Amino acid sequence: MRVLCCLDGTNIEHITRALSTLVTADERIIGLLYVTDLGPHHEIERKREWLLRPRHPSGPLQEKIQQAEVAAAQDILQEGLFYLPGSQTLSREGNPEREIIQYASEWDADLLVICPRSPASGGPALGPKSVGHVARFVLDHAPCPVLLVRLPIIDA
């Protein structure tokens, strides 16, 4: 069974726990996928154009931002390898929901594992708005079954 796990930097423990109850380590090949969302970059460019400032596709600040994003992706995938040793890792850039669907198809995944939304997003834990736009798109367009792993609700 080829299981593709979508990491967001906060969900590896929950994904690992869900996988341990689903299939044994001998029965699965695990892929860990992290997608760097380029949407904020495009938003910055739109704001810059709105302010009638020249476009700066590269420069010292842009390079620092890219280096930080690459380092964050590597850290998240390394943490994934700590929890799920021997997994295949991949980092992509782009629209997260589309990259997840495209890679699941390319990788020939039998199961996609994703969490509904990061707790840092501040959305509701339950109800129709508890599933973020990325998870909703993946649920609607995945080329294979999807396991949606809900994070535990913590009372304050």
N, C-alpha and C. Protein backbone atom coordinates (compact mmCIF):
# COMPACT_ATOMS: atom_id res chain seq x y z
N MET A 1 0.84 -1.17 0.00
CA MET A 1 0.00 0.00 0.00
C MET A 1 0.89 1.24 0.00
N ARG A 2 0.65 2.15 -0.94
CA ARG A 2 1.41 3.40 -1.06
C ARG A 2 0.60 4.51 -0.40
N VAL A 3 1.14 5.03 0.71
CA VAL A 3 0.43 6.03 1.51
C VAL A 3 1.17 7.36 1.41
N LEU A 4 0.48 8.37 0.90
CA LEU A 4 1.06 9.70 0.79
C LEU A 4 0.53 10.57 1.92
N CYS A 5 1.44 11.05 2.76
CA CYS A 5 1.09 11.87 3.91
C CYS A 5 1.42 13.33 3.62
N CYS A 6 0.44 14.19 3.77
CA CYS A 6 0.59 15.62 3.50
C CYS A 6 0.93 16.33 4.80
N LEU A 7 2.14 16.86 4.89
CA LEU A 7 2.60 17.51 6.11
C LEU A 7 2.39 19.01 6.04
N ASP A 8 2.09 19.60 7.20
CA ASP A 8 1.96 21.06 7.26
C ASP A 8 2.84 21.67 8.35
N GLY A 9 3.65 20.85 8.99
CA GLY A 9 4.54 21.35 10.04
C GLY A 9 3.96 21.20 11.44
N THR A 10 2.69 20.80 11.54
CA THR A 10 2.06 20.65 12.86
C THR A 10 1.40 19.30 13.05
N ASN A 11 1.34 18.48 12.01
CA ASN A 11 0.46 17.32 12.06
C ASN A 11 1.13 15.95 12.02
N ILE A 12 2.44 15.87 12.04
CA ILE A 12 3.11 14.58 11.86
C ILE A 12 2.78 13.58 12.97
N GLU A 13 2.68 14.03 14.20
CA GLU A 13 2.35 13.10 15.29
C GLU A 13 0.97 12.48 15.10
N HIS A 14 0.01 13.27 14.69
CA HIS A 14 -1.35 12.78 14.49
C HIS A 14 -1.43 11.84 13.28
N ILE A 15 -0.71 12.18 12.24
CA ILE A 15 -0.67 11.31 11.06
C ILE A 15 -0.01 9.98 11.40
N THR A 16 1.08 10.03 12.15
CA THR A 16 1.78 8.80 12.55
C THR A 16 0.87 7.92 13.39
N ARG A 17 0.15 8.52 14.32
CA ARG A 17 -0.77 7.76 15.18
C ARG A 17 -1.87 7.11 14.35
N ALA A 18 -2.41 7.84 13.39
CA ALA A 18 -3.46 7.29 12.53
C ALA A 18 -2.93 6.15 11.67
N LEU A 19 -1.72 6.31 11.13
CA LEU A 19 -1.14 5.25 10.29
C LEU A 19 -0.86 3.99 11.09
N SER A 20 -0.44 4.13 12.35
CA SER A 20 -0.11 2.95 13.15
C SER A 20 -1.34 2.08 13.40
N THR A 21 -2.52 2.67 13.39
CA THR A 21 -3.73 1.87 13.59
C THR A 21 -4.28 1.33 12.27
N LEU A 22 -3.78 1.83 11.16
CA LEU A 22 -4.34 1.48 9.86
C LEU A 22 -3.63 0.29 9.21
N VAL A 23 -2.33 0.42 9.02
CA VAL A 23 -1.55 -0.64 8.37
C VAL A 23 -0.22 -0.80 9.08
N THR A 24 0.33 -2.00 9.04
CA THR A 24 1.62 -2.23 9.67
C THR A 24 2.73 -1.68 8.78
N ALA A 25 3.89 -1.46 9.38
CA ALA A 25 5.02 -0.88 8.65
C ALA A 25 5.44 -1.77 7.48
N ASP A 26 5.25 -3.08 7.60
CA ASP A 26 5.65 -4.00 6.53
C ASP A 26 4.73 -3.91 5.32
N GLU A 27 3.51 -3.42 5.53
CA GLU A 27 2.52 -3.40 4.45
C GLU A 27 2.46 -2.07 3.71
N ARG A 28 3.32 -1.12 4.03
CA ARG A 28 3.16 0.20 3.45
C ARG A 28 4.47 0.81 2.97
N ILE A 29 4.33 1.62 1.95
CA ILE A 29 5.40 2.51 1.48
C ILE A 29 4.86 3.90 1.74
N ILE A 30 5.61 4.70 2.48
CA ILE A 30 5.12 6.01 2.88
C ILE A 30 5.86 7.11 2.14
N GLY A 31 5.11 8.05 1.64
CA GLY A 31 5.65 9.26 1.05
C GLY A 31 5.25 10.44 1.91
N LEU A 32 6.22 11.30 2.20
CA LEU A 32 5.95 12.51 2.97
C LEU A 32 6.05 13.70 2.03
N LEU A 33 5.00 14.47 1.94
CA LEU A 33 4.95 15.59 1.00
C LEU A 33 4.71 16.89 1.76
N TYR A 34 5.55 17.88 1.45
CA TYR A 34 5.35 19.23 1.97
C TYR A 34 5.34 20.18 0.79
N VAL A 35 4.33 21.03 0.73
CA VAL A 35 4.20 21.99 -0.37
C VAL A 35 4.35 23.40 0.18
N THR A 36 5.31 24.13 -0.36
CA THR A 36 5.48 25.54 -0.01
C THR A 36 4.48 26.33 -0.84
N ASP A 37 3.59 27.02 -0.16
CA ASP A 37 2.52 27.78 -0.83
C ASP A 37 3.10 29.05 -1.43
N LEU A 38 3.00 29.19 -2.75
CA LEU A 38 3.49 30.39 -3.42
C LEU A 38 2.45 31.49 -3.48
N GLY A 39 1.26 31.24 -2.98
CA GLY A 39 0.20 32.25 -2.97
C GLY A 39 0.62 33.56 -2.33
N PRO A 40 1.26 33.53 -1.15
CA PRO A 40 1.70 34.79 -0.54
C PRO A 40 2.67 35.58 -1.42
N HIS A 41 3.50 34.90 -2.19
CA HIS A 41 4.42 35.60 -3.10
C HIS A 41 3.64 36.38 -4.15
N HIS A 42 2.62 35.75 -4.68
CA HIS A 42 1.80 36.39 -5.71
C HIS A 42 1.04 37.58 -5.12
N GLU A 43 0.59 37.43 -3.88
CA GLU A 43 -0.12 38.53 -3.22
C GLU A 43 0.80 39.72 -3.01
N ILE A 44 2.04 39.47 -2.64
CA ILE A 44 3.01 40.55 -2.48
C ILE A 44 3.23 41.28 -3.80
N GLU A 45 3.34 40.53 -4.87
CA GLU A 45 3.54 41.15 -6.18
C GLU A 45 2.33 41.99 -6.59
N ARG A 46 1.14 41.49 -6.31
CA ARG A 46 -0.07 42.26 -6.63
C ARG A 46 -0.11 43.58 -5.85
N LYS A 47 0.24 43.52 -4.57
CA LYS A 47 0.28 44.73 -3.75
C LYS A 47 1.32 45.71 -4.29
N ARG A 48 2.47 45.18 -4.67
CA ARG A 48 3.54 46.02 -5.20
C ARG A 48 3.08 46.72 -6.48
N GLU A 49 2.43 45.97 -7.36
CA GLU A 49 1.93 46.56 -8.61
C GLU A 49 0.85 47.59 -8.33
N TRP A 50 0.01 47.33 -7.33
CA TRP A 50 -1.04 48.26 -6.97
C TRP A 50 -0.45 49.59 -6.50
N LEU A 51 0.67 49.51 -5.83
CA LEU A 51 1.35 50.72 -5.35
C LEU A 51 2.22 51.35 -6.43
N LEU A 52 2.14 50.80 -7.66
CA LEU A 52 2.88 51.31 -8.81
C LEU A 52 4.39 51.28 -8.62
N ARG A 53 4.84 50.31 -7.91
CA ARG A 53 6.28 50.15 -7.71
C ARG A 53 6.78 49.12 -8.71
N PRO A 54 8.02 49.28 -9.14
CA PRO A 54 8.57 48.32 -10.10
C PRO A 54 8.66 46.93 -9.49
N ARG A 55 8.53 45.97 -10.33
CA ARG A 55 8.58 44.58 -9.91
C ARG A 55 10.02 44.17 -9.67
N HIS A 56 10.27 43.48 -8.57
CA HIS A 56 11.60 43.00 -8.22
C HIS A 56 11.56 41.48 -8.10
N PRO A 57 11.71 40.76 -9.23
CA PRO A 57 11.59 39.31 -9.17
C PRO A 57 12.65 38.63 -8.32
N SER A 58 13.79 39.29 -8.17
CA SER A 58 14.82 38.71 -7.32
C SER A 58 15.57 39.83 -6.64
N GLY A 59 16.29 39.48 -5.65
CA GLY A 59 17.04 40.45 -4.88
C GLY A 59 17.40 39.81 -3.55
N PRO A 60 18.14 40.52 -2.72
CA PRO A 60 18.60 39.93 -1.46
C PRO A 60 17.45 39.50 -0.54
N LEU A 61 16.41 40.31 -0.46
CA LEU A 61 15.28 39.95 0.40
C LEU A 61 14.56 38.73 -0.13
N GLN A 62 14.31 38.69 -1.44
CA GLN A 62 13.63 37.55 -2.05
C GLN A 62 14.45 36.27 -1.86
N GLU A 63 15.76 36.38 -2.00
CA GLU A 63 16.63 35.20 -1.81
C GLU A 63 16.57 34.71 -0.37
N LYS A 64 16.55 35.62 0.60
CA LYS A 64 16.46 35.23 2.01
C LYS A 64 15.13 34.53 2.30
N ILE A 65 14.07 35.05 1.71
CA ILE A 65 12.76 34.43 1.90
C ILE A 65 12.76 33.02 1.32
N GLN A 66 13.31 32.86 0.12
CA GLN A 66 13.37 31.54 -0.51
C GLN A 66 14.21 30.57 0.31
N GLN A 67 15.35 31.04 0.82
CA GLN A 67 16.21 30.18 1.64
C GLN A 67 15.50 29.74 2.91
N ALA A 68 14.75 30.66 3.52
CA ALA A 68 14.01 30.33 4.74
C ALA A 68 12.91 29.30 4.45
N GLU A 69 12.25 29.45 3.31
CA GLU A 69 11.19 28.49 2.95
C GLU A 69 11.77 27.11 2.67
N VAL A 70 12.90 27.06 1.99
CA VAL A 70 13.56 25.77 1.72
C VAL A 70 13.98 25.12 3.03
N ALA A 71 14.56 25.91 3.94
CA ALA A 71 15.00 25.38 5.23
C ALA A 71 13.81 24.87 6.04
N ALA A 72 12.69 25.61 6.02
CA ALA A 72 11.49 25.17 6.75
C ALA A 72 10.97 23.86 6.18
N ALA A 73 10.93 23.75 4.86
CA ALA A 73 10.46 22.51 4.22
C ALA A 73 11.35 21.33 4.61
N GLN A 74 12.65 21.54 4.60
CA GLN A 74 13.58 20.47 4.98
C GLN A 74 13.39 20.07 6.44
N ASP A 75 13.20 21.05 7.33
CA ASP A 75 12.97 20.75 8.74
C ASP A 75 11.70 19.93 8.94
N ILE A 76 10.63 20.30 8.25
CA ILE A 76 9.36 19.58 8.38
C ILE A 76 9.51 18.15 7.86
N LEU A 77 10.20 17.97 6.74
CA LEU A 77 10.38 16.62 6.20
C LEU A 77 11.32 15.80 7.09
N GLN A 78 12.33 16.43 7.68
CA GLN A 78 13.22 15.71 8.60
C GLN A 78 12.47 15.25 9.84
N GLU A 79 11.58 16.09 10.35
CA GLU A 79 10.75 15.69 11.48
C GLU A 79 9.87 14.51 11.08
N GLY A 80 9.34 14.54 9.86
CA GLY A 80 8.56 13.41 9.37
C GLY A 80 9.36 12.14 9.34
N LEU A 81 10.62 12.23 8.92
CA LEU A 81 11.49 11.05 8.88
C LEU A 81 11.80 10.54 10.29
N PHE A 82 11.82 11.44 11.27
CA PHE A 82 12.04 11.02 12.65
C PHE A 82 10.89 10.13 13.11
N TYR A 83 9.66 10.51 12.77
CA TYR A 83 8.48 9.74 13.15
C TYR A 83 8.24 8.53 12.25
N LEU A 84 8.58 8.67 10.98
CA LEU A 84 8.33 7.59 10.01
C LEU A 84 9.62 7.30 9.23
N PRO A 85 10.60 6.67 9.89
CA PRO A 85 11.89 6.43 9.23
C PRO A 85 11.72 5.57 7.97
N GLY A 86 12.55 5.87 6.98
CA GLY A 86 12.52 5.11 5.74
C GLY A 86 11.51 5.62 4.73
N SER A 87 10.78 6.66 5.08
CA SER A 87 9.79 7.23 4.16
C SER A 87 10.49 7.97 3.03
N GLN A 88 9.79 8.09 1.93
CA GLN A 88 10.27 8.92 0.82
C GLN A 88 9.80 10.34 1.09
N THR A 89 10.66 11.32 0.81
CA THR A 89 10.29 12.71 1.06
C THR A 89 10.30 13.51 -0.24
N LEU A 90 9.39 14.48 -0.28
CA LEU A 90 9.34 15.36 -1.44
C LEU A 90 8.83 16.72 -1.00
N SER A 91 9.50 17.75 -1.50
CA SER A 91 9.08 19.11 -1.27
C SER A 91 8.73 19.73 -2.62
N ARG A 92 7.59 20.39 -2.67
CA ARG A 92 7.16 21.07 -3.89
C ARG A 92 6.78 22.50 -3.58
N GLU A 93 6.71 23.30 -4.63
CA GLU A 93 6.26 24.68 -4.50
C GLU A 93 5.06 24.88 -5.40
N GLY A 94 4.13 25.70 -4.95
CA GLY A 94 2.97 25.99 -5.78
C GLY A 94 1.71 26.08 -4.96
N ASN A 95 0.62 25.80 -5.61
CA ASN A 95 -0.69 25.79 -4.98
C ASN A 95 -0.81 24.45 -4.24
N PRO A 96 -0.85 24.45 -2.89
CA PRO A 96 -0.80 23.19 -2.15
C PRO A 96 -1.82 22.14 -2.59
N GLU A 97 -3.09 22.55 -2.74
CA GLU A 97 -4.11 21.55 -3.07
C GLU A 97 -3.86 20.92 -4.43
N ARG A 98 -3.45 21.71 -5.38
CA ARG A 98 -3.19 21.17 -6.73
C ARG A 98 -1.92 20.31 -6.76
N GLU A 99 -0.90 20.74 -6.03
CA GLU A 99 0.34 19.96 -5.98
C GLU A 99 0.12 18.61 -5.31
N ILE A 100 -0.70 18.59 -4.26
CA ILE A 100 -1.00 17.32 -3.56
C ILE A 100 -1.70 16.36 -4.52
N ILE A 101 -2.72 16.84 -5.21
CA ILE A 101 -3.47 15.99 -6.15
C ILE A 101 -2.56 15.51 -7.27
N GLN A 102 -1.77 16.41 -7.83
CA GLN A 102 -0.88 16.04 -8.94
C GLN A 102 0.14 15.00 -8.49
N TYR A 103 0.75 15.21 -7.32
CA TYR A 103 1.77 14.27 -6.88
C TYR A 103 1.15 12.93 -6.48
N ALA A 104 -0.03 12.93 -5.89
CA ALA A 104 -0.69 11.67 -5.54
C ALA A 104 -0.92 10.83 -6.80
N SER A 105 -1.27 11.49 -7.87
CA SER A 105 -1.48 10.80 -9.14
C SER A 105 -0.15 10.29 -9.71
N GLU A 106 0.87 11.15 -9.73
CA GLU A 106 2.19 10.76 -10.26
C GLU A 106 2.81 9.63 -9.45
N TRP A 107 2.65 9.69 -8.14
CA TRP A 107 3.27 8.72 -7.23
C TRP A 107 2.45 7.43 -7.16
N ASP A 108 1.26 7.45 -7.73
CA ASP A 108 0.35 6.30 -7.74
C ASP A 108 -0.03 5.90 -6.31
N ALA A 109 -0.45 6.89 -5.53
CA ALA A 109 -0.82 6.66 -4.13
C ALA A 109 -2.08 5.81 -4.03
N ASP A 110 -2.10 4.91 -3.07
CA ASP A 110 -3.29 4.12 -2.76
C ASP A 110 -4.15 4.82 -1.71
N LEU A 111 -3.51 5.70 -0.92
CA LEU A 111 -4.20 6.42 0.14
C LEU A 111 -3.50 7.75 0.37
N LEU A 112 -4.30 8.79 0.53
CA LEU A 112 -3.79 10.13 0.88
C LEU A 112 -4.18 10.40 2.32
N VAL A 113 -3.25 10.88 3.13
CA VAL A 113 -3.54 11.21 4.52
C VAL A 113 -3.32 12.70 4.70
N ILE A 114 -4.35 13.38 5.20
CA ILE A 114 -4.29 14.84 5.36
C ILE A 114 -5.08 15.23 6.60
N CYS A 115 -4.68 16.34 7.23
CA CYS A 115 -5.43 16.89 8.35
C CYS A 115 -6.33 18.01 7.82
N PRO A 116 -7.47 18.26 8.48
CA PRO A 116 -8.43 19.22 7.95
C PRO A 116 -7.93 20.65 7.90
N ARG A 117 -7.16 21.08 8.86
CA ARG A 117 -6.56 22.42 8.86
C ARG A 117 -5.60 22.50 10.03
N SER A 118 -4.65 23.40 9.91
CA SER A 118 -3.68 23.61 10.97
C SER A 118 -4.35 24.28 12.16
N PRO A 119 -4.01 23.87 13.39
CA PRO A 119 -4.61 24.53 14.56
C PRO A 119 -4.26 26.02 14.61
N ALA A 120 -3.16 26.40 13.98
CA ALA A 120 -2.74 27.80 13.99
C ALA A 120 -3.65 28.67 13.13
N SER A 121 -4.47 28.06 12.28
CA SER A 121 -5.33 28.85 11.40
C SER A 121 -6.48 29.52 12.14
N GLY A 122 -6.77 29.03 13.33
CA GLY A 122 -7.79 29.66 14.15
C GLY A 122 -9.23 29.36 13.78
N GLY A 123 -9.44 28.46 12.85
CA GLY A 123 -10.80 28.11 12.45
C GLY A 123 -11.47 27.22 13.49
N PRO A 124 -12.76 26.94 13.31
CA PRO A 124 -13.48 26.08 14.25
C PRO A 124 -12.97 24.64 14.18
N ALA A 125 -13.01 23.94 15.31
CA ALA A 125 -12.54 22.56 15.37
C ALA A 125 -13.55 21.58 14.79
N LEU A 126 -14.84 21.94 14.86
CA LEU A 126 -15.89 21.08 14.35
C LEU A 126 -16.85 21.90 13.50
N GLY A 127 -17.59 21.21 12.66
CA GLY A 127 -18.59 21.88 11.84
C GLY A 127 -18.14 22.02 10.40
N PRO A 128 -18.99 22.60 9.55
CA PRO A 128 -18.70 22.65 8.12
C PRO A 128 -17.46 23.46 7.77
N LYS A 129 -17.11 24.43 8.60
CA LYS A 129 -15.93 25.25 8.30
C LYS A 129 -14.67 24.73 8.97
N SER A 130 -14.74 23.54 9.55
CA SER A 130 -13.58 22.98 10.22
C SER A 130 -12.59 22.36 9.23
N VAL A 131 -13.03 22.13 8.01
CA VAL A 131 -12.15 21.59 6.98
C VAL A 131 -11.71 22.75 6.10
N GLY A 132 -10.41 23.00 6.06
CA GLY A 132 -9.87 24.11 5.28
C GLY A 132 -9.99 23.87 3.78
N HIS A 133 -9.64 24.91 3.02
CA HIS A 133 -9.81 24.82 1.56
C HIS A 133 -8.89 23.78 0.93
N VAL A 134 -7.69 23.58 1.49
CA VAL A 134 -6.77 22.59 0.92
C VAL A 134 -7.35 21.19 1.10
N ALA A 135 -7.74 20.86 2.33
CA ALA A 135 -8.29 19.52 2.60
C ALA A 135 -9.58 19.30 1.82
N ARG A 136 -10.42 20.32 1.72
CA ARG A 136 -11.68 20.18 0.99
C ARG A 136 -11.40 19.89 -0.49
N PHE A 137 -10.45 20.60 -1.10
CA PHE A 137 -10.11 20.37 -2.49
C PHE A 137 -9.55 18.95 -2.67
N VAL A 138 -8.69 18.53 -1.75
CA VAL A 138 -8.12 17.19 -1.83
C VAL A 138 -9.21 16.13 -1.71
N LEU A 139 -10.14 16.31 -0.78
CA LEU A 139 -11.25 15.37 -0.63
C LEU A 139 -12.07 15.26 -1.91
N ASP A 140 -12.27 16.39 -2.58
CA ASP A 140 -13.10 16.42 -3.78
C ASP A 140 -12.39 15.93 -5.04
N HIS A 141 -11.07 16.01 -5.10
CA HIS A 141 -10.36 15.74 -6.35
C HIS A 141 -9.31 14.62 -6.29
N ALA A 142 -9.13 14.00 -5.17
CA ALA A 142 -8.07 13.00 -5.01
C ALA A 142 -8.30 11.80 -5.94
N PRO A 143 -7.20 11.26 -6.49
CA PRO A 143 -7.30 10.10 -7.37
C PRO A 143 -7.36 8.78 -6.60
N CYS A 144 -7.45 8.87 -5.26
CA CYS A 144 -7.46 7.68 -4.42
C CYS A 144 -8.24 8.00 -3.14
N PRO A 145 -8.49 7.01 -2.28
CA PRO A 145 -9.16 7.30 -1.02
C PRO A 145 -8.34 8.28 -0.17
N VAL A 146 -9.05 9.06 0.66
CA VAL A 146 -8.41 10.06 1.52
C VAL A 146 -8.77 9.77 2.97
N LEU A 147 -7.76 9.76 3.82
CA LEU A 147 -7.97 9.64 5.26
C LEU A 147 -7.80 11.03 5.84
N LEU A 148 -8.89 11.58 6.38
CA LEU A 148 -8.87 12.89 7.00
C LEU A 148 -8.64 12.68 8.50
N VAL A 149 -7.51 13.12 9.00
CA VAL A 149 -7.14 12.90 10.40
C VAL A 149 -7.47 14.16 11.19
N ARG A 150 -8.47 14.06 12.03
CA ARG A 150 -8.86 15.20 12.88
C ARG A 150 -7.90 15.30 14.06
N LEU A 151 -7.50 16.52 14.34
CA LEU A 151 -6.66 16.77 15.50
C LEU A 151 -7.54 16.78 16.74
N PRO A 152 -7.00 16.34 17.89
CA PRO A 152 -7.83 16.34 19.11
C PRO A 152 -8.20 17.75 19.51
N ILE A 153 -9.41 17.90 20.05
CA ILE A 153 -9.88 19.20 20.52
C ILE A 153 -9.35 19.38 21.94
N ILE A 154 -8.66 20.48 22.14
CA ILE A 154 -8.08 20.77 23.47
C ILE A 154 -8.91 21.87 24.10
N ASP A 155 -9.45 21.60 25.28
CA ASP A 155 -10.22 22.61 26.00
C ASP A 155 -9.27 23.55 26.70
N ALA A 156 -9.57 24.84 26.62
CA ALA A 156 -8.72 25.85 27.25
C ALA A 156 -9.04 25.97 28.74
